[in-house]
Amino acid sequence: MRADELTRGCQCRSGISAFEAEAIIERLERFQVRDVGSRRWMAQHEMTERLNIQAHMNVHHQNEEFVTEALTTFEKLPLLIRDLLVIETWKGKVYPLVLRELATDSVTLYFTLYHEATIVNLLEIVLFSRSACLSAGDALLDLVDYCARKVAKVTAWEAPSDPQALSGKRILEMSDEELMRDKFDEMEFAICIGAIGIMRYLSEHAAELDLSVVTRMLNTHDMISASVYLIERAPWFERTDKNKFRRYEDGAWRDIPRDELPRLGKVEAQAWLTVYNLCLEPKCRESYEYTTQNQDIILRLKSFITEIMVDQLPVLVHLQRYLEELTILQPPEPKHRPNRSILVELVPEILDEITKDIDWDEVAEYQKTTVFRQTEEDKREMARRLAATYDLSEYSELLDPPKCGKCGKDASQRCSRCKTEWYCSRACQVKAWKTHKGACDMVVGYTAL
């Protein structure tokens, strides 16, 4: 069965069966950076997205998690992690070189960029399982490096002055290249937030992970200190006005009333659980190299742990006790620390293999002239397949209730032309038409190809 036949098979109805999931997963293949965006690569992206949606549906309905089981059985987690590093590398090395020429085909380029978010989202679901996490083997070294890069990036994140969704008027004023850069940043933030969740699950399984993976988390990247910086910086929380606040949850920024400010957000809880796991797990306590510097950094958490937080996340009482113990701990001097040089430490290999001896200018030129050069027929086929892949009408229980594009209230009516914007009433739709028309024409024009 070819990749395109598998894709059509998994699109014939809203979900995929366990048999279809196994067939798809068994045939997942390795790609190089130069293959990103190609027909075969895009077919695998569509199948990966189907697996991602089905995995979330299984968790939502508390069904058998056959996607996770199949990825574990066929030992495809290392391939999935490799695919993640391939698209990350492409975004960092090739995307800047092709953006100017390819920005006019923004939809194809957008879904190529979205592949990283798809894999991160799927890994968040799959790595909850201990057996799945262990099946990734040495690839976890590369995954730890990846998460460390994303955590560092989001810790230093500077939010735009207007992070709300783009208005139709602003879309019309922006060039194709500016629009893609804006969407890139929005997507990158979501990916970084997803990496926080992945790190939490890695830390949760630390007791059974290879010592090299634990050492890389604790000493190579010092994810305990990195998580402290992350909690202090709190990029998931923003004060937009004197009395207005918002928090990033479930993939979107949400306004929160003042009386809900003490509530612990989901992303923040992930960061705290990472600290808890890495500090309290005996294997981690034995492996972590304490210094006066990182001891001082960790102790800064004491001021954050309040009774309200402990009520919401009871395990923090144990972390609080650990911090009290750490206060009186005297870190050993360097010359008195255990000699770990006798240990044979594994090193990550996937990223080195992906980037070895690559001429990025040559790859960019190849993609501009071959991979992303599409005929009108190719664009029509791409539009049809993407529309089928991302038709979430059967997954409405996973989605938030739509909001009116004009006033923000709950909406029940959708624009009949583009089917992307929602309104609470005919009156709001008429008022919003002047600014919505441009974006509406853009969407309708593309889907009509």
Protein backbone atom coordinates (compact mmCIF):
# COMPACT_ATOMS: atom_id res chain seq x y z
CA MET A 1 0.00 0.00 0.00
CA ARG A 2 1.49 3.33 -1.09
CA ALA A 3 1.62 6.48 1.07
CA ASP A 4 -1.06 8.24 -1.00
CA GLU A 5 -3.36 5.20 -0.70
CA LEU A 6 -2.86 5.17 3.06
CA THR A 7 -3.68 8.86 3.17
CA ARG A 8 -6.91 8.40 1.24
CA GLY A 9 -7.80 5.46 3.48
CA CYS A 10 -7.44 7.46 6.66
CA GLN A 11 -9.47 10.33 5.19
CA CYS A 12 -12.52 8.28 4.31
CA ARG A 13 -14.13 9.03 7.66
CA SER A 14 -13.67 11.31 10.63
CA GLY A 15 -11.36 9.03 12.61
CA ILE A 16 -8.99 6.16 11.92
CA SER A 17 -9.19 2.65 13.27
CA ALA A 18 -6.49 0.80 15.18
CA PHE A 19 -5.75 -1.25 12.05
CA GLU A 20 -5.34 1.89 9.92
CA ALA A 21 -3.16 3.52 12.55
CA GLU A 22 -0.87 0.47 12.60
CA ALA A 23 -0.66 0.45 8.80
CA ILE A 24 0.25 4.14 8.73
CA ILE A 25 2.79 3.92 11.56
CA GLU A 26 4.47 0.81 10.19
CA ARG A 27 5.16 2.64 6.92
CA LEU A 28 6.44 5.93 8.30
CA GLU A 29 9.72 6.65 6.56
CA ARG A 30 12.87 8.71 7.05
CA PHE A 31 13.32 11.99 5.21
CA GLN A 32 16.25 14.33 4.74
CA VAL A 33 16.09 18.12 5.00
CA ARG A 34 15.99 18.50 1.22
CA ASP A 35 12.80 16.35 1.09
CA VAL A 36 10.78 18.75 3.27
CA GLY A 37 7.74 19.98 1.38
CA SER A 38 7.88 17.29 -1.31
CA ARG A 39 4.82 15.27 -2.29
CA ARG A 40 5.90 12.20 -0.32
CA TRP A 41 6.87 14.31 2.68
CA MET A 42 3.54 16.16 2.61
CA ALA A 43 1.67 12.84 2.43
CA GLN A 44 3.47 11.74 5.58
CA HIS A 45 2.65 15.08 7.22
CA GLU A 46 -1.05 14.48 6.53
CA MET A 47 -0.85 11.00 8.03
CA THR A 48 1.04 12.28 11.08
CA GLU A 49 -1.65 14.90 11.62
CA ARG A 50 -4.33 12.21 11.43
CA LEU A 51 -2.47 10.18 14.03
CA ASN A 52 -2.16 13.27 16.21
CA ILE A 53 -5.89 14.04 16.06
CA GLN A 54 -6.81 10.41 16.71
CA ALA A 55 -4.44 10.20 19.68
CA HIS A 56 -6.13 13.24 21.23
CA MET A 57 -9.55 11.74 20.54
CA ASN A 58 -8.55 8.50 22.26
CA VAL A 59 -7.47 10.40 25.37
CA HIS A 60 -10.54 12.64 25.31
CA HIS A 61 -12.92 9.66 25.19
CA GLN A 62 -10.72 7.50 27.43
CA ASN A 63 -10.53 4.86 24.71
CA GLU A 64 -7.75 2.41 24.05
CA GLU A 65 -4.69 4.46 23.11
CA PHE A 66 -3.87 2.42 20.03
CA VAL A 67 -1.80 5.19 18.39
CA THR A 68 0.62 5.24 21.32
CA GLU A 69 0.70 1.45 21.42
CA ALA A 70 1.44 1.16 17.71
CA LEU A 71 4.23 3.75 17.85
CA THR A 72 5.73 1.74 20.72
CA THR A 73 5.25 -1.67 19.11
CA PHE A 74 6.81 -0.68 15.80
CA GLU A 75 9.55 1.33 17.57
CA LYS A 76 8.76 4.48 15.61
CA LEU A 77 9.41 7.01 18.39
CA PRO A 78 13.08 7.48 17.30
CA LEU A 79 11.86 8.14 13.75
CA LEU A 80 9.29 10.64 15.00
CA ILE A 81 11.98 12.46 17.01
CA ARG A 82 14.25 12.45 13.97
CA ASP A 83 11.42 13.91 11.87
CA LEU A 84 11.06 16.64 14.50
CA LEU A 85 14.75 17.55 14.22
CA VAL A 86 14.57 17.51 10.41
CA ILE A 87 11.80 20.12 10.32
CA GLU A 88 13.48 22.18 13.06
CA THR A 89 16.68 22.19 11.01
CA TRP A 90 14.79 23.10 7.85
CA LYS A 91 13.11 26.02 9.62
CA GLY A 92 16.43 27.28 10.94
CA LYS A 93 18.64 26.77 7.88
CA VAL A 94 16.51 26.65 4.73
CA TYR A 95 13.31 28.56 5.49
CA PRO A 96 15.03 31.98 5.75
CA LEU A 97 16.59 31.37 2.31
CA VAL A 98 13.30 30.48 0.57
CA LEU A 99 10.83 32.73 2.39
CA ARG A 100 11.00 35.71 0.03
CA GLU A 101 10.33 33.64 -3.11
CA LEU A 102 7.76 31.27 -1.58
CA ALA A 103 5.76 33.63 0.64
CA THR A 104 3.14 34.09 -2.10
CA ASP A 105 2.16 30.43 -1.71
CA SER A 106 1.57 31.06 1.98
CA VAL A 107 -0.82 28.16 2.61
CA THR A 108 1.61 25.45 1.43
CA LEU A 109 4.44 27.11 3.31
CA TYR A 110 2.31 27.45 6.44
CA PHE A 111 1.45 23.75 6.57
CA THR A 112 5.10 22.87 6.01
CA LEU A 113 6.01 24.97 9.04
CA TYR A 114 3.10 23.49 11.00
CA HIS A 115 4.64 20.03 10.82
CA GLU A 116 6.86 20.74 13.83
CA ALA A 117 3.82 21.72 15.92
CA THR A 118 2.06 18.52 14.85
CA ILE A 119 4.91 16.29 16.04
CA VAL A 120 5.35 18.19 19.31
CA ASN A 121 1.62 17.88 19.96
CA LEU A 122 1.71 14.14 19.24
CA LEU A 123 4.78 13.58 21.43
CA GLU A 124 3.04 15.34 24.32
CA ILE A 125 0.32 12.70 24.16
CA VAL A 126 2.54 9.69 23.51
CA LEU A 127 5.29 10.38 26.07
CA PHE A 128 2.76 10.27 28.90
CA SER A 129 3.16 6.51 28.53
CA ARG A 130 6.21 5.11 30.33
CA SER A 131 6.65 2.24 27.85
CA ALA A 132 6.47 4.63 24.90
CA CYS A 133 9.03 6.93 26.45
CA LEU A 134 11.44 4.05 27.10
CA SER A 135 10.99 2.75 23.54
CA ALA A 136 12.58 5.95 22.20
CA GLY A 137 15.96 4.76 23.49
CA ASP A 138 19.01 6.87 22.67
CA ALA A 139 16.85 9.27 20.60
CA LEU A 140 15.80 10.81 23.93
CA LEU A 141 19.24 12.45 24.11
CA ASP A 142 18.38 14.47 21.01
CA LEU A 143 14.88 15.14 22.34
CA VAL A 144 16.31 16.52 25.61
CA ASP A 145 18.57 18.84 23.59
CA TYR A 146 15.58 19.94 21.50
CA CYS A 147 13.45 20.69 24.57
CA ALA A 148 16.33 22.58 26.20
CA ARG A 149 16.62 24.81 23.12
CA LYS A 150 12.89 25.53 23.11
CA VAL A 151 12.71 26.19 26.87
CA ALA A 152 15.60 28.64 26.57
CA LYS A 153 13.89 30.33 23.64
CA VAL A 154 10.52 30.77 25.35
CA THR A 155 12.19 31.97 28.56
CA ALA A 156 13.65 34.88 26.60
CA TRP A 157 10.45 35.40 24.57
CA GLU A 158 9.33 38.97 23.96
CA ALA A 159 5.62 39.14 23.24
CA PRO A 160 4.43 41.47 20.45
CA SER A 161 2.63 44.64 21.42
CA ASP A 162 -0.61 43.25 20.01
CA PRO A 163 -0.53 39.44 20.33
CA GLN A 164 -4.24 39.10 19.59
CA ALA A 165 -5.34 37.42 16.39
CA LEU A 166 -4.71 39.40 13.23
CA SER A 167 -7.62 41.53 12.10
CA GLY A 168 -8.75 41.41 8.51
CA LYS A 169 -7.59 44.99 7.99
CA ARG A 170 -4.11 44.29 9.30
CA ILE A 171 -3.83 41.18 7.10
CA LEU A 172 -4.52 43.31 4.04
CA GLU A 173 -1.87 45.83 5.04
CA MET A 174 0.86 43.23 5.50
CA SER A 175 2.99 41.78 2.74
CA ASP A 176 3.02 38.03 2.20
CA GLU A 177 6.47 37.84 3.77
CA GLU A 178 5.42 39.85 6.83
CA LEU A 179 2.34 37.70 7.27
CA MET A 180 4.40 34.51 7.17
CA ARG A 181 6.90 35.92 9.70
CA ASP A 182 4.02 36.79 12.03
CA LYS A 183 2.51 33.31 11.72
CA PHE A 184 5.96 31.78 12.19
CA ASP A 185 6.41 33.57 15.53
CA GLU A 186 2.93 32.62 16.69
CA MET A 187 3.55 28.99 15.82
CA GLU A 188 7.02 28.96 17.37
CA PHE A 189 5.64 30.14 20.71
CA ALA A 190 3.09 27.31 20.73
CA ILE A 191 5.84 24.80 19.90
CA CYS A 192 8.01 26.06 22.76
CA ILE A 193 5.08 25.72 25.16
CA GLY A 194 4.60 22.15 23.93
CA ALA A 195 8.27 21.41 24.63
CA ILE A 196 7.66 22.33 28.29
CA GLY A 197 5.08 19.55 28.47
CA ILE A 198 7.45 17.05 26.82
CA MET A 199 10.18 17.90 29.33
CA ARG A 200 7.72 17.35 32.18
CA TYR A 201 7.00 13.78 30.96
CA LEU A 202 10.69 13.03 30.45
CA SER A 203 11.35 14.13 34.02
CA GLU A 204 8.45 12.00 35.24
CA HIS A 205 10.05 8.85 33.81
CA ALA A 206 13.56 9.79 34.93
CA ALA A 207 13.85 6.85 37.34
CA GLU A 208 13.78 4.39 34.43
CA LEU A 209 15.63 6.38 31.79
CA ASP A 210 19.22 5.71 30.81
CA LEU A 211 21.70 7.50 33.05
CA SER A 212 23.07 9.41 30.04
CA VAL A 213 19.62 10.91 29.40
CA VAL A 214 19.22 11.91 33.05
CA THR A 215 22.74 13.38 33.14
CA ARG A 216 22.01 15.38 29.99
CA MET A 217 18.85 16.80 31.54
CA LEU A 218 20.45 17.65 34.85
CA ASN A 219 24.07 18.58 34.23
CA THR A 220 24.51 19.28 30.51
CA HIS A 221 21.45 21.54 30.31
CA ASP A 222 20.66 21.98 34.03
CA MET A 223 16.93 21.83 33.40
CA ILE A 224 16.26 22.49 37.08
CA SER A 225 17.79 25.97 36.89
CA ALA A 226 16.28 26.47 33.42
CA SER A 227 12.84 25.69 34.83
CA VAL A 228 13.39 28.16 37.68
CA TYR A 229 14.20 30.90 35.15
CA LEU A 230 11.10 29.87 33.19
CA ILE A 231 8.84 30.12 36.26
CA GLU A 232 10.28 33.53 37.11
CA ARG A 233 9.84 34.81 33.58
CA ALA A 234 6.32 33.28 33.13
CA PRO A 235 6.00 33.90 29.36
CA TRP A 236 2.56 32.24 29.44
CA PHE A 237 1.12 35.15 31.43
CA GLU A 238 0.64 38.77 30.37
CA ARG A 239 -0.81 41.98 31.68
CA THR A 240 -2.35 43.63 28.64
CA ASP A 241 -3.78 46.68 30.39
CA LYS A 242 -4.06 48.17 33.85
CA ASN A 243 -6.77 45.72 34.89
CA LYS A 244 -6.65 43.15 32.09
CA PHE A 245 -4.70 39.91 32.17
CA ARG A 246 -4.34 36.92 29.91
CA ARG A 247 -2.87 33.46 30.10
CA TYR A 248 -1.76 31.05 27.38
CA GLU A 249 -3.68 27.78 27.72
CA ASP A 250 -4.74 25.04 25.33
CA GLY A 251 -2.98 26.67 22.40
CA ALA A 252 -4.48 30.15 22.72
CA TRP A 253 -4.30 33.35 24.77
CA ARG A 254 -7.31 33.69 27.05
CA ASP A 255 -8.45 36.70 29.02
CA ILE A 256 -8.71 35.99 32.74
CA PRO A 257 -10.55 38.03 35.39
CA ARG A 258 -8.58 39.40 38.31
CA ASP A 259 -10.14 36.97 40.80
CA GLU A 260 -8.69 34.04 38.81
CA LEU A 261 -5.10 35.30 38.94
CA PRO A 262 -4.11 32.98 41.82
CA ARG A 263 -5.21 29.96 39.78
CA LEU A 264 -2.29 27.86 38.58
CA GLY A 265 -2.29 27.68 34.80
CA LYS A 266 -1.71 24.41 32.94
CA VAL A 267 1.61 25.45 31.41
CA GLU A 268 2.88 26.82 34.71
CA ALA A 269 1.93 23.57 36.42
CA GLN A 270 4.01 21.65 33.85
CA ALA A 271 7.08 23.73 34.73
CA TRP A 272 6.54 23.17 38.46
CA LEU A 273 6.13 19.42 37.99
CA THR A 274 9.38 19.31 36.02
CA VAL A 275 11.19 20.96 38.93
CA TYR A 276 9.50 18.63 41.41
CA ASN A 277 10.43 15.49 39.46
CA LEU A 278 14.05 16.48 38.87
CA CYS A 279 14.60 17.61 42.45
CA LEU A 280 12.82 14.83 44.33
CA GLU A 281 13.50 11.72 42.24
CA PRO A 282 16.31 9.80 44.06
CA LYS A 283 18.13 8.98 40.81
CA CYS A 284 18.17 12.68 39.92
CA ARG A 285 19.32 13.74 43.39
CA GLU A 286 22.25 11.34 43.11
CA SER A 287 23.19 12.53 39.61
CA TYR A 288 22.75 16.30 39.93
CA GLU A 289 25.96 18.24 40.49
CA TYR A 290 25.07 20.86 43.08
CA THR A 291 27.05 24.09 43.16
CA THR A 292 26.66 27.25 45.19
CA GLN A 293 25.34 28.96 42.07
CA ASN A 294 22.60 26.49 41.14
CA GLN A 295 21.70 26.08 44.81
CA ASP A 296 21.01 29.81 45.03
CA ILE A 297 18.95 29.66 41.84
CA ILE A 298 16.77 26.79 43.09
CA LEU A 299 16.19 28.45 46.45
CA ARG A 300 14.59 31.40 44.67
CA LEU A 301 11.53 29.18 44.28
CA LYS A 302 10.75 29.46 48.00
CA SER A 303 9.05 32.82 47.56
CA PHE A 304 6.74 31.41 44.85
CA ILE A 305 5.27 28.52 46.83
CA THR A 306 2.18 29.74 48.68
CA GLU A 307 -0.66 27.97 50.45
CA ILE A 308 -2.93 28.65 47.49
CA MET A 309 -0.45 26.97 45.14
CA VAL A 310 -0.04 23.97 47.44
CA ASP A 311 -3.82 23.57 47.57
CA GLN A 312 -3.88 23.37 43.76
CA LEU A 313 -0.75 21.23 43.37
CA PRO A 314 -0.32 19.25 46.62
CA VAL A 315 3.03 17.72 45.61
CA LEU A 316 4.59 21.15 46.07
CA VAL A 317 4.56 20.57 49.82
CA HIS A 318 7.31 18.00 49.27
CA LEU A 319 9.22 20.43 47.09
CA GLN A 320 8.85 23.04 49.80
CA ARG A 321 10.38 20.65 52.34
CA TYR A 322 13.21 19.87 49.90
CA LEU A 323 13.97 23.59 49.56
CA GLU A 324 14.22 23.88 53.33
CA GLU A 325 16.70 21.01 53.36
CA LEU A 326 18.65 22.61 50.51
CA THR A 327 18.99 25.79 52.57
CA ILE A 328 21.37 24.05 54.97
CA LEU A 329 23.13 21.92 52.35
CA GLN A 330 26.78 22.73 51.75
CA PRO A 331 27.65 21.92 48.12
CA PRO A 332 30.96 20.05 47.84
CA GLU A 333 33.96 21.88 46.47
CA PRO A 334 34.94 20.88 42.92
CA LYS A 335 37.91 18.84 44.08
CA HIS A 336 35.71 16.83 46.47
CA ARG A 337 33.00 15.97 43.96
CA PRO A 338 32.72 12.35 42.80
CA ASN A 339 34.82 11.51 39.78
CA ARG A 340 32.36 10.73 36.99
CA SER A 341 34.98 10.46 34.27
CA ILE A 342 34.90 6.67 34.46
CA LEU A 343 31.34 6.65 33.11
CA VAL A 344 30.86 6.15 29.38
CA GLU A 345 28.32 8.81 28.43
CA LEU A 346 26.29 8.51 25.26
CA VAL A 347 25.98 11.59 23.06
CA PRO A 348 23.15 12.61 20.71
CA GLU A 349 23.74 11.58 17.12
CA ILE A 350 20.57 12.31 15.16
CA LEU A 351 21.07 16.05 14.67
CA ASP A 352 24.70 15.57 13.65
CA GLU A 353 23.63 12.99 11.06
CA ILE A 354 20.93 15.30 9.69
CA THR A 355 23.22 18.34 9.29
CA LYS A 356 26.48 16.65 8.26
CA ASP A 357 28.07 17.99 5.05
CA ILE A 358 24.98 19.95 3.95
CA ASP A 359 25.22 22.93 1.60
CA TRP A 360 22.20 24.95 2.73
CA ASP A 361 22.27 27.33 -0.25
CA GLU A 362 22.17 24.34 -2.61
CA VAL A 363 19.26 22.79 -0.68
CA ALA A 364 17.35 26.09 -0.76
CA GLU A 365 17.87 26.46 -4.51
CA TYR A 366 16.77 22.86 -5.11
CA GLN A 367 13.59 23.39 -3.11
CA LYS A 368 12.73 26.67 -4.84
CA THR A 369 13.11 25.15 -8.30
CA THR A 370 11.81 21.63 -7.64
CA VAL A 371 9.97 20.91 -4.39
CA PHE A 372 7.93 24.11 -4.08
CA ARG A 373 7.41 24.75 -7.79
CA GLN A 374 3.80 23.71 -8.20
CA THR A 375 1.43 23.75 -11.15
CA GLU A 376 -2.18 24.88 -10.81
CA GLU A 377 -3.18 21.23 -10.79
CA ASP A 378 -0.74 20.55 -7.94
CA LYS A 379 -2.23 23.44 -5.96
CA ARG A 380 -5.77 22.16 -6.48
CA GLU A 381 -4.75 18.70 -5.30
CA MET A 382 -2.93 20.19 -2.30
CA ALA A 383 -5.98 22.28 -1.36
CA ARG A 384 -8.25 19.23 -1.58
CA ARG A 385 -6.00 17.06 0.55
CA LEU A 386 -5.34 19.71 3.19
CA ALA A 387 -9.06 20.48 3.41
CA ALA A 388 -9.75 16.79 4.05
CA THR A 389 -6.94 16.46 6.59
CA TYR A 390 -7.94 19.50 8.62
CA ASP A 391 -11.73 19.04 8.45
CA LEU A 392 -12.38 19.04 12.20
CA SER A 393 -16.16 19.18 12.01
CA GLU A 394 -16.36 15.68 13.52
CA TYR A 395 -14.04 16.68 16.36
CA SER A 396 -16.06 19.60 17.70
CA GLU A 397 -15.90 18.31 21.28
CA LEU A 398 -12.14 18.96 21.25
CA LEU A 399 -12.54 22.56 20.17
CA ASP A 400 -13.46 25.66 22.14
CA PRO A 401 -16.86 27.25 21.44
CA PRO A 402 -16.46 29.77 18.60
CA LYS A 403 -16.41 33.49 19.42
CA CYS A 404 -17.91 36.36 17.44
CA GLY A 405 -15.31 38.02 15.22
CA LYS A 406 -16.83 41.41 15.96
CA CYS A 407 -17.80 41.53 19.66
CA GLY A 408 -16.16 38.39 21.11
CA LYS A 409 -19.38 36.83 22.43
CA ASP A 410 -20.30 33.17 21.90
CA ALA A 411 -21.11 32.66 18.23
CA SER A 412 -23.45 30.30 16.41
CA GLN A 413 -23.31 31.63 12.82
CA ARG A 414 -20.39 31.23 10.41
CA CYS A 415 -19.44 33.17 7.30
CA SER A 416 -21.00 31.17 4.46
CA ARG A 417 -18.19 32.08 2.01
CA CYS A 418 -14.91 31.32 3.80
CA LYS A 419 -16.33 29.31 6.74
CA THR A 420 -13.49 30.56 8.96
CA GLU A 421 -15.05 33.49 10.84
CA TRP A 422 -17.91 33.25 13.32
CA TYR A 423 -20.53 35.78 14.45
CA CYS A 424 -23.16 35.96 17.16
CA SER A 425 -25.71 37.70 14.93
CA ARG A 426 -26.38 39.02 11.47
CA ALA A 427 -25.87 42.55 12.77
CA CYS A 428 -22.29 41.81 13.89
CA GLN A 429 -21.52 40.12 10.57
CA VAL A 430 -22.65 43.19 8.62
CA LYS A 431 -20.60 45.50 10.84
CA ALA A 432 -17.49 43.33 10.45
CA TRP A 433 -17.78 42.82 6.69
CA LYS A 434 -15.66 45.83 5.72
CA THR A 435 -12.60 44.48 7.54
CA HIS A 436 -13.39 40.79 6.99
CA LYS A 437 -13.92 41.03 3.22
CA GLY A 438 -10.22 41.02 2.31
CA ALA A 439 -9.37 37.95 4.37
CA CYS A 440 -12.56 36.25 3.18
CA ASP A 441 -11.68 36.83 -0.48
CA MET A 442 -8.18 35.50 0.17
CA VAL A 443 -9.43 32.21 1.65
CA VAL A 444 -12.15 31.73 -0.94
CA GLY A 445 -9.69 32.48 -3.74
CA TYR A 446 -7.27 29.80 -2.52
CA THR A 447 -9.84 27.06 -1.95
CA ALA A 448 -11.31 27.77 -5.37
CA LEU A 449 -8.04 26.85 -7.09
